[in-house]
Amino acid sequence: MEISCDIAMDLVELYTSETAGPDSTSAVKSHLRHCSECRRYYEGYRKSFKKERDIFASDIPDIDPSEKELSENVKKLSKRIRKRRILSRITNSTLLGFGSVTLILGIIILIHSKRKGHR
């Protein structure tokens, strides 16, 4: 699956934090193999991500979750967010569909009643 540089750069954050889904991960990996500009962007982002993570970890000495635990928690949260987005899209699509059907039926009834009134 080929993706544009814009999409690859948008997905770099999820890819770097290992919270991107399998399809997104595969698409970003493939894109980075072929695009040197995005590869430079990714390397810069990855370095700053590591620095921020290290700074954050040093700021909170009382909390010492292992990197694996933190990664698992982030993955779980990411999965929940993805499920909520999908549910939201389904709900919105359903409501839009019902609204469209209602509007079309209203127009049909209006046209039909006008035709009966003119006869």
PDB file of N, CA and C in Angstrom:
ATOM      1  N   MET A   1       0.834  -1.178   0.000  1.00  0.00           N
ATOM      2  CA  MET A   1       0.000   0.000   0.000  1.00  0.00           C
ATOM      3  C   MET A   1       0.879   1.241   0.000  1.00  0.00           C
ATOM      4  N   GLU A   2       0.739   2.049  -1.002  1.00  0.00           N
ATOM      5  CA  GLU A   2       1.523   3.277  -1.082  1.00  0.00           C
ATOM      6  C   GLU A   2       0.769   4.412  -0.420  1.00  0.00           C
ATOM      7  N   ILE A   3       1.526   5.229   0.333  1.00  0.00           N
ATOM      8  CA  ILE A   3       0.922   6.391   0.975  1.00  0.00           C
ATOM      9  C   ILE A   3       1.741   7.620   0.619  1.00  0.00           C
ATOM     10  N   SER A   4       1.113   8.787   0.735  1.00  0.00           N
ATOM     11  CA  SER A   4       1.806  10.034   0.428  1.00  0.00           C
ATOM     12  C   SER A   4       2.714  10.420   1.594  1.00  0.00           C
ATOM     13  N   CYS A   5       3.588  11.375   1.338  1.00  0.00           N
ATOM     14  CA  CYS A   5       4.480  11.862   2.392  1.00  0.00           C
ATOM     15  C   CYS A   5       3.676  12.488   3.535  1.00  0.00           C
ATOM     16  N   ASP A   6       2.600  13.203   3.208  1.00  0.00           N
ATOM     17  CA  ASP A   6       1.769  13.812   4.250  1.00  0.00           C
ATOM     18  C   ASP A   6       1.204  12.757   5.194  1.00  0.00           C
ATOM     19  N   ILE A   7       0.698  11.689   4.630  1.00  0.00           N
ATOM     20  CA  ILE A   7       0.122  10.623   5.469  1.00  0.00           C
ATOM     21  C   ILE A   7       1.221   9.949   6.288  1.00  0.00           C
ATOM     22  N   ALA A   8       2.364   9.699   5.664  1.00  0.00           N
ATOM     23  CA  ALA A   8       3.479   9.062   6.384  1.00  0.00           C
ATOM     24  C   ALA A   8       3.912   9.926   7.568  1.00  0.00           C
ATOM     25  N   MET A   9       4.018  11.237   7.345  1.00  0.00           N
ATOM     26  CA  MET A   9       4.435  12.127   8.432  1.00  0.00           C
ATOM     27  C   MET A   9       3.374  12.201   9.529  1.00  0.00           C
ATOM     28  N   ASP A  10       2.108  12.110   9.140  1.00  0.00           N
ATOM     29  CA  ASP A  10       1.033  12.093  10.146  1.00  0.00           C
ATOM     30  C   ASP A  10       1.098  10.838  10.999  1.00  0.00           C
ATOM     31  N   LEU A  11       1.522   9.730  10.402  1.00  0.00           N
ATOM     32  CA  LEU A  11       1.554   8.450  11.118  1.00  0.00           C
ATOM     33  C   LEU A  11       2.849   8.202  11.891  1.00  0.00           C
ATOM     34  N   VAL A  12       3.849   9.069  11.684  1.00  0.00           N
ATOM     35  CA  VAL A  12       5.150   8.858  12.320  1.00  0.00           C
ATOM     36  C   VAL A  12       5.032   8.810  13.841  1.00  0.00           C
ATOM     37  N   GLU A  13       4.191   9.646  14.433  1.00  0.00           N
ATOM     38  CA  GLU A  13       4.041   9.652  15.890  1.00  0.00           C
ATOM     39  C   GLU A  13       3.540   8.298  16.388  1.00  0.00           C
ATOM     40  N   LEU A  14       2.498   7.773  15.739  1.00  0.00           N
ATOM     41  CA  LEU A  14       1.964   6.463  16.140  1.00  0.00           C
ATOM     42  C   LEU A  14       2.977   5.357  15.862  1.00  0.00           C
ATOM     43  N   TYR A  15       3.660   5.453  14.737  1.00  0.00           N
ATOM     44  CA  TYR A  15       4.658   4.450  14.359  1.00  0.00           C
ATOM     45  C   TYR A  15       5.799   4.434  15.375  1.00  0.00           C
ATOM     46  N   THR A  16       6.279   5.636  15.764  1.00  0.00           N
ATOM     47  CA  THR A  16       7.396   5.741  16.691  1.00  0.00           C
ATOM     48  C   THR A  16       7.029   5.211  18.073  1.00  0.00           C
ATOM     49  N   SER A  17       5.809   5.485  18.508  1.00  0.00           N
ATOM     50  CA  SER A  17       5.387   5.030  19.833  1.00  0.00           C
ATOM     51  C   SER A  17       4.860   3.591  19.802  1.00  0.00           C
ATOM     52  N   GLU A  18       4.923   2.975  18.634  1.00  0.00           N
ATOM     53  CA  GLU A  18       4.491   1.588  18.432  1.00  0.00           C
ATOM     54  C   GLU A  18       3.017   1.387  18.777  1.00  0.00           C
ATOM     55  N   THR A  19       2.195   2.397  18.468  1.00  0.00           N
ATOM     56  CA  THR A  19       0.758   2.293  18.708  1.00  0.00           C
ATOM     57  C   THR A  19      -0.036   2.273  17.404  1.00  0.00           C
ATOM     58  N   ALA A  20       0.653   2.358  16.273  1.00  0.00           N
ATOM     59  CA  ALA A  20      -0.031   2.292  14.981  1.00  0.00           C
ATOM     60  C   ALA A  20      -0.506   0.862  14.737  1.00  0.00           C
ATOM     61  N   GLY A  21      -1.591   0.746  14.012  1.00  0.00           N
ATOM     62  CA  GLY A  21      -2.104  -0.571  13.667  1.00  0.00           C
ATOM     63  C   GLY A  21      -1.181  -1.264  12.679  1.00  0.00           C
ATOM     64  N   PRO A  22      -1.402  -2.546  12.452  1.00  0.00           N
ATOM     65  CA  PRO A  22      -0.515  -3.309  11.565  1.00  0.00           C
ATOM     66  C   PRO A  22      -0.461  -2.761  10.136  1.00  0.00           C
ATOM     67  N   ASP A  23      -1.602  -2.351   9.579  1.00  0.00           N
ATOM     68  CA  ASP A  23      -1.610  -1.815   8.213  1.00  0.00           C
ATOM     69  C   ASP A  23      -0.853  -0.497   8.138  1.00  0.00           C
ATOM     70  N   SER A  24      -1.072   0.373   9.131  1.00  0.00           N
ATOM     71  CA  SER A  24      -0.371   1.660   9.158  1.00  0.00           C
ATOM     72  C   SER A  24       1.130   1.450   9.326  1.00  0.00           C
ATOM     73  N   THR A  25       1.504   0.534  10.216  1.00  0.00           N
ATOM     74  CA  THR A  25       2.918   0.245  10.450  1.00  0.00           C
ATOM     75  C   THR A  25       3.581  -0.239   9.166  1.00  0.00           C
ATOM     76  N   SER A  26       2.925  -1.144   8.489  1.00  0.00           N
ATOM     77  CA  SER A  26       3.463  -1.683   7.243  1.00  0.00           C
ATOM     78  C   SER A  26       3.596  -0.587   6.182  1.00  0.00           C
ATOM     79  N   ALA A  27       2.584   0.269   6.084  1.00  0.00           N
ATOM     80  CA  ALA A  27       2.608   1.340   5.084  1.00  0.00           C
ATOM     81  C   ALA A  27       3.720   2.340   5.376  1.00  0.00           C
ATOM     82  N   VAL A  28       3.910   2.689   6.644  1.00  0.00           N
ATOM     83  CA  VAL A  28       4.963   3.645   7.008  1.00  0.00           C
ATOM     84  C   VAL A  28       6.333   3.033   6.753  1.00  0.00           C
ATOM     85  N   LYS A  29       6.529   1.780   7.153  1.00  0.00           N
ATOM     86  CA  LYS A  29       7.811   1.108   6.913  1.00  0.00           C
ATOM     87  C   LYS A  29       8.153   1.112   5.432  1.00  0.00           C
ATOM     88  N   SER A  30       7.183   0.757   4.620  1.00  0.00           N
ATOM     89  CA  SER A  30       7.391   0.711   3.173  1.00  0.00           C
ATOM     90  C   SER A  30       7.731   2.097   2.631  1.00  0.00           C
ATOM     91  N   HIS A  31       7.008   3.099   3.103  1.00  0.00           N
ATOM     92  CA  HIS A  31       7.246   4.466   2.620  1.00  0.00           C
ATOM     93  C   HIS A  31       8.642   4.943   3.032  1.00  0.00           C
ATOM     94  N   LEU A  32       9.038   4.647   4.268  1.00  0.00           N
ATOM     95  CA  LEU A  32      10.341   5.100   4.756  1.00  0.00           C
ATOM     96  C   LEU A  32      11.496   4.443   3.999  1.00  0.00           C
ATOM     97  N   ARG A  33      11.285   3.230   3.505  1.00  0.00           N
ATOM     98  CA  ARG A  33      12.327   2.560   2.721  1.00  0.00           C
ATOM     99  C   ARG A  33      12.629   3.316   1.424  1.00  0.00           C
ATOM    100  N   HIS A  34      11.585   3.959   0.865  1.00  0.00           N
ATOM    101  CA  HIS A  34      11.726   4.565  -0.455  1.00  0.00           C
ATOM    102  C   HIS A  34      11.827   6.088  -0.441  1.00  0.00           C
ATOM    103  N   CYS A  35      11.563   6.732   0.683  1.00  0.00           N
ATOM    104  CA  CYS A  35      11.523   8.199   0.716  1.00  0.00           C
ATOM    105  C   CYS A  35      12.560   8.724   1.716  1.00  0.00           C
ATOM    106  N   SER A  36      13.636   9.283   1.200  1.00  0.00           N
ATOM    107  CA  SER A  36      14.705   9.757   2.078  1.00  0.00           C
ATOM    108  C   SER A  36      14.280  10.973   2.899  1.00  0.00           C
ATOM    109  N   GLU A  37      13.425  11.824   2.334  1.00  0.00           N
ATOM    110  CA  GLU A  37      12.966  13.004   3.072  1.00  0.00           C
ATOM    111  C   GLU A  37      12.161  12.597   4.303  1.00  0.00           C
ATOM    112  N   CYS A  38      11.245  11.673   4.130  1.00  0.00           N
ATOM    113  CA  CYS A  38      10.438  11.193   5.261  1.00  0.00           C
ATOM    114  C   CYS A  38      11.291  10.407   6.244  1.00  0.00           C
ATOM    115  N   ARG A  39      12.291   9.706   5.730  1.00  0.00           N
ATOM    116  CA  ARG A  39      13.191   8.953   6.602  1.00  0.00           C
ATOM    117  C   ARG A  39      13.954   9.930   7.513  1.00  0.00           C
ATOM    118  N   ARG A  40      14.415  11.067   6.968  1.00  0.00           N
ATOM    119  CA  ARG A  40      15.092  12.084   7.779  1.00  0.00           C
ATOM    120  C   ARG A  40      14.126  12.650   8.832  1.00  0.00           C
ATOM    121  N   TYR A  41      12.888  12.914   8.415  1.00  0.00           N
ATOM    122  CA  TYR A  41      11.879  13.421   9.344  1.00  0.00           C
ATOM    123  C   TYR A  41      11.651  12.412  10.475  1.00  0.00           C
ATOM    124  N   TYR A  42      11.520  11.153  10.110  1.00  0.00           N
ATOM    125  CA  TYR A  42      11.297  10.092  11.101  1.00  0.00           C
ATOM    126  C   TYR A  42      12.468  10.000  12.078  1.00  0.00           C
ATOM    127  N   GLU A  43      13.690  10.032  11.569  1.00  0.00           N
ATOM    128  CA  GLU A  43      14.872   9.935  12.440  1.00  0.00           C
ATOM    129  C   GLU A  43      14.902  11.092  13.430  1.00  0.00           C
ATOM    130  N   GLY A  44      14.615  12.303  12.947  1.00  0.00           N
ATOM    131  CA  GLY A  44      14.574  13.464  13.834  1.00  0.00           C
ATOM    132  C   GLY A  44      13.477  13.323  14.873  1.00  0.00           C
ATOM    133  N   TYR A  45      12.316  12.874  14.441  1.00  0.00           N
ATOM    134  CA  TYR A  45      11.194  12.698  15.359  1.00  0.00           C
ATOM    135  C   TYR A  45      11.515  11.621  16.394  1.00  0.00           C
ATOM    136  N   ARG A  46      12.095  10.527  15.937  1.00  0.00           N
ATOM    137  CA  ARG A  46      12.423   9.419  16.834  1.00  0.00           C
ATOM    138  C   ARG A  46      13.413   9.872  17.915  1.00  0.00           C
ATOM    139  N   LYS A  47      14.416  10.667  17.519  1.00  0.00           N
ATOM    140  CA  LYS A  47      15.405  11.157  18.495  1.00  0.00           C
ATOM    141  C   LYS A  47      14.744  12.087  19.514  1.00  0.00           C
ATOM    142  N   SER A  48      13.887  12.989  19.038  1.00  0.00           N
ATOM    143  CA  SER A  48      13.233  13.908  19.980  1.00  0.00           C
ATOM    144  C   SER A  48      12.242  13.149  20.871  1.00  0.00           C
ATOM    145  N   PHE A  49      11.588  12.129  20.322  1.00  0.00           N
ATOM    146  CA  PHE A  49      10.659  11.309  21.102  1.00  0.00           C
ATOM    147  C   PHE A  49      11.409  10.604  22.227  1.00  0.00           C
ATOM    148  N   LYS A  50      12.575  10.052  21.912  1.00  0.00           N
ATOM    149  CA  LYS A  50      13.381   9.355  22.917  1.00  0.00           C
ATOM    150  C   LYS A  50      13.839  10.331  23.991  1.00  0.00           C
ATOM    151  N   LYS A  51      14.278  11.536  23.586  1.00  0.00           N
ATOM    152  CA  LYS A  51      14.716  12.536  24.566  1.00  0.00           C
ATOM    153  C   LYS A  51      13.568  12.930  25.489  1.00  0.00           C
ATOM    154  N   GLU A  52      12.395  13.197  24.911  1.00  0.00           N
ATOM    155  CA  GLU A  52      11.235  13.578  25.721  1.00  0.00           C
ATOM    156  C   GLU A  52      10.849  12.460  26.681  1.00  0.00           C
ATOM    157  N   ARG A  53      10.879  11.240  26.197  1.00  0.00           N
ATOM    158  CA  ARG A  53      10.531  10.093  27.044  1.00  0.00           C
ATOM    159  C   ARG A  53      11.524   9.976  28.197  1.00  0.00           C
ATOM    160  N   ASP A  54      12.821  10.173  27.905  1.00  0.00           N
ATOM    161  CA  ASP A  54      13.842  10.100  28.946  1.00  0.00           C
ATOM    162  C   ASP A  54      13.673  11.223  29.965  1.00  0.00           C
ATOM    163  N   ILE A  55      13.370  12.438  29.482  1.00  0.00           N
ATOM    164  CA  ILE A  55      13.155  13.575  30.377  1.00  0.00           C
ATOM    165  C   ILE A  55      11.944  13.321  31.255  1.00  0.00           C
ATOM    166  N   PHE A  56      10.871  12.852  30.637  1.00  0.00           N
ATOM    167  CA  PHE A  56       9.645  12.573  31.386  1.00  0.00           C
ATOM    168  C   PHE A  56       9.908  11.525  32.452  1.00  0.00           C
ATOM    169  N   ALA A  57      10.615  10.488  32.101  1.00  0.00           N
ATOM    170  CA  ALA A  57      10.899   9.410  33.052  1.00  0.00           C
ATOM    171  C   ALA A  57      11.760   9.919  34.207  1.00  0.00           C
ATOM    172  N   SER A  58      12.694  10.850  33.926  1.00  0.00           N
ATOM    173  CA  SER A  58      13.554  11.367  34.995  1.00  0.00           C
ATOM    174  C   SER A  58      12.826  12.366  35.879  1.00  0.00           C
ATOM    175  N   ASP A  59      11.761  12.996  35.370  1.00  0.00           N
ATOM    176  CA  ASP A  59      10.987  13.955  36.160  1.00  0.00           C
ATOM    177  C   ASP A  59      10.095  13.285  37.190  1.00  0.00           C
ATOM    178  N   ILE A  60       9.784  12.028  37.012  1.00  0.00           N
ATOM    179  CA  ILE A  60       8.865  11.332  37.910  1.00  0.00           C
ATOM    180  C   ILE A  60       9.578  10.115  38.500  1.00  0.00           C
ATOM    181  N   PRO A  61      10.377  10.346  39.532  1.00  0.00           N
ATOM    182  CA  PRO A  61      11.131   9.229  40.094  1.00  0.00           C
ATOM    183  C   PRO A  61      10.274   8.211  40.839  1.00  0.00           C
ATOM    184  N   ASP A  62       9.117   8.623  41.392  1.00  0.00           N
ATOM    185  CA  ASP A  62       8.278   7.707  42.156  1.00  0.00           C
ATOM    186  C   ASP A  62       7.631   6.647  41.277  1.00  0.00           C
ATOM    187  N   ILE A  63       7.365   6.976  40.024  1.00  0.00           N
ATOM    188  CA  ILE A  63       6.713   6.042  39.109  1.00  0.00           C
ATOM    189  C   ILE A  63       7.804   5.373  38.282  1.00  0.00           C
ATOM    190  N   ASP A  64       7.884   4.083  38.390  1.00  0.00           N
ATOM    191  CA  ASP A  64       8.928   3.372  37.654  1.00  0.00           C
ATOM    192  C   ASP A  64       8.357   2.202  36.873  1.00  0.00           C
ATOM    193  N   PRO A  65       7.432   2.492  35.929  1.00  0.00           N
ATOM    194  CA  PRO A  65       6.929   1.373  35.122  1.00  0.00           C
ATOM    195  C   PRO A  65       7.999   0.958  34.116  1.00  0.00           C
ATOM    196  N   SER A  66       8.045  -0.315  33.888  1.00  0.00           N
ATOM    197  CA  SER A  66       9.006  -0.770  32.892  1.00  0.00           C
ATOM    198  C   SER A  66       8.564  -0.260  31.523  1.00  0.00           C
ATOM    199  N   GLU A  67       9.502  -0.158  30.638  1.00  0.00           N
ATOM    200  CA  GLU A  67       9.190   0.326  29.291  1.00  0.00           C
ATOM    201  C   GLU A  67       8.162  -0.582  28.616  1.00  0.00           C
ATOM    202  N   LYS A  68       8.240  -1.854  28.912  1.00  0.00           N
ATOM    203  CA  LYS A  68       7.293  -2.800  28.326  1.00  0.00           C
ATOM    204  C   LYS A  68       5.878  -2.541  28.842  1.00  0.00           C
ATOM    205  N   GLU A  69       5.741  -2.304  30.156  1.00  0.00           N
ATOM    206  CA  GLU A  69       4.427  -2.003  30.730  1.00  0.00           C
ATOM    207  C   GLU A  69       3.859  -0.725  30.132  1.00  0.00           C
ATOM    208  N   LEU A  70       4.701   0.294  30.026  1.00  0.00           N
ATOM    209  CA  LEU A  70       4.267   1.568  29.461  1.00  0.00           C
ATOM    210  C   LEU A  70       3.806   1.375  28.024  1.00  0.00           C
ATOM    211  N   SER A  71       4.576   0.629  27.272  1.00  0.00           N
ATOM    212  CA  SER A  71       4.223   0.360  25.876  1.00  0.00           C
ATOM    213  C   SER A  71       2.903  -0.393  25.781  1.00  0.00           C
ATOM    214  N   GLU A  72       2.698  -1.368  26.649  1.00  0.00           N
ATOM    215  CA  GLU A  72       1.450  -2.132  26.644  1.00  0.00           C
ATOM    216  C   GLU A  72       0.256  -1.246  26.996  1.00  0.00           C
ATOM    217  N   ASN A  73       0.444  -0.356  27.980  1.00  0.00           N
ATOM    218  CA  ASN A  73      -0.639   0.549  28.361  1.00  0.00           C
ATOM    219  C   ASN A  73      -0.983   1.510  27.231  1.00  0.00           C
ATOM    220  N   VAL A  74       0.028   1.998  26.554  1.00  0.00           N
ATOM    221  CA  VAL A  74      -0.200   2.904  25.427  1.00  0.00           C
ATOM    222  C   VAL A  74      -0.923   2.165  24.305  1.00  0.00           C
ATOM    223  N   LYS A  75      -0.534   0.933  24.058  1.00  0.00           N
ATOM    224  CA  LYS A  75      -1.186   0.132  23.021  1.00  0.00           C
ATOM    225  C   LYS A  75      -2.656  -0.111  23.363  1.00  0.00           C
ATOM    226  N   LYS A  76      -2.929  -0.429  24.632  1.00  0.00           N
ATOM    227  CA  LYS A  76      -4.312  -0.656  25.052  1.00  0.00           C
ATOM    228  C   LYS A  76      -5.149   0.613  24.892  1.00  0.00           C
ATOM    229  N   LEU A  77      -4.581   1.734  25.302  1.00  0.00           N
ATOM    230  CA  LEU A  77      -5.289   3.004  25.179  1.00  0.00           C
ATOM    231  C   LEU A  77      -5.526   3.342  23.716  1.00  0.00           C
ATOM    232  N   SER A  78      -4.520   3.122  22.898  1.00  0.00           N
ATOM    233  CA  SER A  78      -4.648   3.385  21.467  1.00  0.00           C
ATOM    234  C   SER A  78      -5.743   2.520  20.849  1.00  0.00           C
ATOM    235  N   LYS A  79      -5.812   1.271  21.274  1.00  0.00           N
ATOM    236  CA  LYS A  79      -6.834   0.359  20.764  1.00  0.00           C
ATOM    237  C   LYS A  79      -8.230   0.846  21.149  1.00  0.00           C
ATOM    238  N   ARG A  80      -8.381   1.286  22.409  1.00  0.00           N
ATOM    239  CA  ARG A  80      -9.674   1.818  22.857  1.00  0.00           C
ATOM    240  C   ARG A  80     -10.068   3.055  22.061  1.00  0.00           C
ATOM    241  N   ILE A  81      -9.108   3.934  21.827  1.00  0.00           N
ATOM    242  CA  ILE A  81      -9.383   5.155  21.059  1.00  0.00           C
ATOM    243  C   ILE A  81      -9.798   4.795  19.646  1.00  0.00           C
ATOM    244  N   ARG A  82      -9.099   3.841  19.034  1.00  0.00           N
ATOM    245  CA  ARG A  82      -9.448   3.416  17.683  1.00  0.00           C
ATOM    246  C   ARG A  82     -10.865   2.852  17.624  1.00  0.00           C
ATOM    247  N   LYS A  83     -11.232   2.033  18.633  1.00  0.00           N
ATOM    248  CA  LYS A  83     -12.578   1.455  18.677  1.00  0.00           C
ATOM    249  C   LYS A  83     -13.621   2.550  18.821  1.00  0.00           C
ATOM    250  N   ARG A  84     -13.348   3.536  19.665  1.00  0.00           N
ATOM    251  CA  ARG A  84     -14.296   4.640  19.846  1.00  0.00           C
ATOM    252  C   ARG A  84     -14.454   5.453  18.568  1.00  0.00           C
ATOM    253  N   ARG A  85     -13.352   5.675  17.855  1.00  0.00           N
ATOM    254  CA  ARG A  85     -13.436   6.405  16.583  1.00  0.00           C
ATOM    255  C   ARG A  85     -14.295   5.647  15.580  1.00  0.00           C
ATOM    256  N   ILE A  86     -14.086   4.343  15.508  1.00  0.00           N
ATOM    257  CA  ILE A  86     -14.871   3.524  14.573  1.00  0.00           C
ATOM    258  C   ILE A  86     -16.338   3.563  14.950  1.00  0.00           C
ATOM    259  N   LEU A  87     -16.633   3.390  16.245  1.00  0.00           N
ATOM    260  CA  LEU A  87     -18.021   3.443  16.709  1.00  0.00           C
ATOM    261  C   LEU A  87     -18.642   4.804  16.415  1.00  0.00           C
ATOM    262  N   SER A  88     -17.879   5.858  16.622  1.00  0.00           N
ATOM    263  CA  SER A  88     -18.365   7.213  16.342  1.00  0.00           C
ATOM    264  C   SER A  88     -18.659   7.387  14.856  1.00  0.00           C
ATOM    265  N   ARG A  89     -17.780   6.881  14.003  1.00  0.00           N
ATOM    266  CA  ARG A  89     -18.004   6.983  12.554  1.00  0.00           C
ATOM    267  C   ARG A  89     -19.238   6.205  12.127  1.00  0.00           C
ATOM    268  N   ILE A  90     -19.420   5.020  12.701  1.00  0.00           N
ATOM    269  CA  ILE A  90     -20.599   4.212  12.373  1.00  0.00           C
ATOM    270  C   ILE A  90     -21.864   4.935  12.817  1.00  0.00           C
ATOM    271  N   THR A  91     -21.845   5.470  14.026  1.00  0.00           N
ATOM    272  CA  THR A  91     -23.003   6.199  14.546  1.00  0.00           C
ATOM    273  C   THR A  91     -23.319   7.408  13.677  1.00  0.00           C
ATOM    274  N   ASN A  92     -22.289   8.182  13.357  1.00  0.00           N
ATOM    275  CA  ASN A  92     -22.499   9.369  12.516  1.00  0.00           C
ATOM    276  C   ASN A  92     -23.029   8.996  11.137  1.00  0.00           C
ATOM    277  N   SER A  93     -22.493   7.944  10.555  1.00  0.00           N
ATOM    278  CA  SER A  93     -22.958   7.506   9.237  1.00  0.00           C
ATOM    279  C   SER A  93     -24.411   7.059   9.294  1.00  0.00           C
ATOM    280  N   THR A  94     -24.762   6.330  10.353  1.00  0.00           N
ATOM    281  CA  THR A  94     -26.140   5.867  10.514  1.00  0.00           C
ATOM    282  C   THR A  94     -27.091   7.048  10.653  1.00  0.00           C
ATOM    283  N   LEU A  95     -26.723   8.014  11.495  1.00  0.00           N
ATOM    284  CA  LEU A  95     -27.573   9.190  11.681  1.00  0.00           C
ATOM    285  C   LEU A  95     -27.692   9.992  10.390  1.00  0.00           C
ATOM    286  N   LEU A  96     -26.598  10.119   9.668  1.00  0.00           N
ATOM    287  CA  LEU A  96     -26.634  10.825   8.393  1.00  0.00           C
ATOM    288  C   LEU A  96     -27.532  10.093   7.401  1.00  0.00           C
ATOM    289  N   GLY A  97     -27.455   8.778   7.393  1.00  0.00           N
ATOM    290  CA  GLY A  97     -28.306   7.978   6.505  1.00  0.00           C
ATOM    291  C   GLY A  97     -29.779   8.155   6.837  1.00  0.00           C
ATOM    292  N   PHE A  98     -30.136   8.068   8.123  1.00  0.00           N
ATOM    293  CA  PHE A  98     -31.530   8.266   8.527  1.00  0.00           C
ATOM    294  C   PHE A  98     -31.998   9.674   8.194  1.00  0.00           C
ATOM    295  N   GLY A  99     -31.146  10.649   8.426  1.00  0.00           N
ATOM    296  CA  GLY A  99     -31.498  12.037   8.113  1.00  0.00           C
ATOM    297  C   GLY A  99     -31.745  12.228   6.629  1.00  0.00           C
ATOM    298  N   SER A 100     -30.898  11.617   5.813  1.00  0.00           N
ATOM    299  CA  SER A 100     -31.052  11.726   4.360  1.00  0.00           C
ATOM    300  C   SER A 100     -32.347  11.070   3.894  1.00  0.00           C
ATOM    301  N   VAL A 101     -32.634   9.882   4.427  1.00  0.00           N
ATOM    302  CA  VAL A 101     -33.867   9.177   4.060  1.00  0.00           C
ATOM    303  C   VAL A 101     -35.081  10.004   4.476  1.00  0.00           C
ATOM    304  N   THR A 102     -35.049  10.567   5.675  1.00  0.00           N
ATOM    305  CA  THR A 102     -36.151  11.395   6.154  1.00  0.00           C
ATOM    306  C   THR A 102     -36.351  12.611   5.258  1.00  0.00           C
ATOM    307  N   LEU A 103     -35.272  13.254   4.874  1.00  0.00           N
ATOM    308  CA  LEU A 103     -35.346  14.423   3.995  1.00  0.00           C
ATOM    309  C   LEU A 103     -35.926  14.038   2.635  1.00  0.00           C
ATOM    310  N   ILE A 104     -35.467  12.961   2.073  1.00  0.00           N
ATOM    311  CA  ILE A 104     -35.955  12.520   0.761  1.00  0.00           C
ATOM    312  C   ILE A 104     -37.435  12.157   0.840  1.00  0.00           C
ATOM    313  N   LEU A 105     -37.823  11.426   1.885  1.00  0.00           N
ATOM    314  CA  LEU A 105     -39.243  11.081   2.049  1.00  0.00           C
ATOM    315  C   LEU A 105     -40.093  12.340   2.232  1.00  0.00           C
ATOM    316  N   GLY A 106     -39.594  13.301   2.971  1.00  0.00           N
ATOM    317  CA  GLY A 106     -40.310  14.561   3.156  1.00  0.00           C
ATOM    318  C   GLY A 106     -40.519  15.288   1.845  1.00  0.00           C
ATOM    319  N   ILE A 107     -39.497  15.320   1.009  1.00  0.00           N
ATOM    320  CA  ILE A 107     -39.599  15.969  -0.302  1.00  0.00           C
ATOM    321  C   ILE A 107     -40.609  15.224  -1.175  1.00  0.00           C
ATOM    322  N   ILE A 108     -40.550  13.891  -1.169  1.00  0.00           N
ATOM    323  CA  ILE A 108     -41.483  13.099  -1.974  1.00  0.00           C
ATOM    324  C   ILE A 108     -42.919  13.349  -1.516  1.00  0.00           C
ATOM    325  N   ILE A 109     -43.151  13.358  -0.207  1.00  0.00           N
ATOM    326  CA  ILE A 109     -44.501  13.600   0.319  1.00  0.00           C
ATOM    327  C   ILE A 109     -44.973  15.005  -0.056  1.00  0.00           C
ATOM    328  N   LEU A 110     -44.085  15.981   0.046  1.00  0.00           N
ATOM    329  CA  LEU A 110     -44.423  17.361  -0.310  1.00  0.00           C
ATOM    330  C   LEU A 110     -44.802  17.474  -1.782  1.00  0.00           C
ATOM    331  N   ILE A 111     -44.012  16.869  -2.649  1.00  0.00           N
ATOM    332  CA  ILE A 111     -44.303  16.903  -4.089  1.00  0.00           C
ATOM    333  C   ILE A 111     -45.619  16.196  -4.378  1.00  0.00           C
ATOM    334  N   HIS A 112     -45.816  15.043  -3.771  1.00  0.00           N
ATOM    335  CA  HIS A 112     -47.052  14.272  -3.980  1.00  0.00           C
ATOM    336  C   HIS A 112     -48.285  15.060  -3.513  1.00  0.00           C
ATOM    337  N   SER A 113     -48.169  15.712  -2.361  1.00  0.00           N
ATOM    338  CA  SER A 113     -49.327  16.466  -1.849  1.00  0.00           C
ATOM    339  C   SER A 113     -49.620  17.689  -2.716  1.00  0.00           C
ATOM    340  N   LYS A 114     -48.603  18.306  -3.280  1.00  0.00           N
ATOM    341  CA  LYS A 114     -48.815  19.455  -4.183  1.00  0.00           C
ATOM    342  C   LYS A 114     -49.492  19.016  -5.454  1.00  0.00           C
ATOM    343  N   ARG A 115     -49.099  17.861  -5.947  1.00  0.00           N
ATOM    344  CA  ARG A 115     -49.738  17.339  -7.180  1.00  0.00           C
ATOM    345  C   ARG A 115     -51.209  17.028  -6.940  1.00  0.00           C
ATOM    346  N   LYS A 116     -51.536  16.445  -5.812  1.00  0.00           N
ATOM    347  CA  LYS A 116     -52.932  16.128  -5.496  1.00  0.00           C
ATOM    348  C   LYS A 116     -53.730  17.424  -5.303  1.00  0.00           C
ATOM    349  N   GLY A 117     -53.112  18.443  -4.739  1.00  0.00           N
ATOM    350  CA  GLY A 117     -53.810  19.704  -4.491  1.00  0.00           C
ATOM    351  C   GLY A 117     -54.115  20.470  -5.754  1.00  0.00           C
ATOM    352  N   HIS A 118     -53.373  20.298  -6.833  1.00  0.00           N
ATOM    353  CA  HIS A 118     -53.570  21.011  -8.098  1.00  0.00           C
ATOM    354  C   HIS A 118     -54.556  20.338  -9.014  1.00  0.00           C
ATOM    355  N   ARG A 119     -54.990  19.149  -8.741  1.00  0.00           N
ATOM    356  CA  ARG A 119     -55.908  18.419  -9.628  1.00  0.00           C
ATOM    357  C   ARG A 119     -57.301  18.757  -9.371  1.00  0.00           C
TER     358      ARG A 119
END
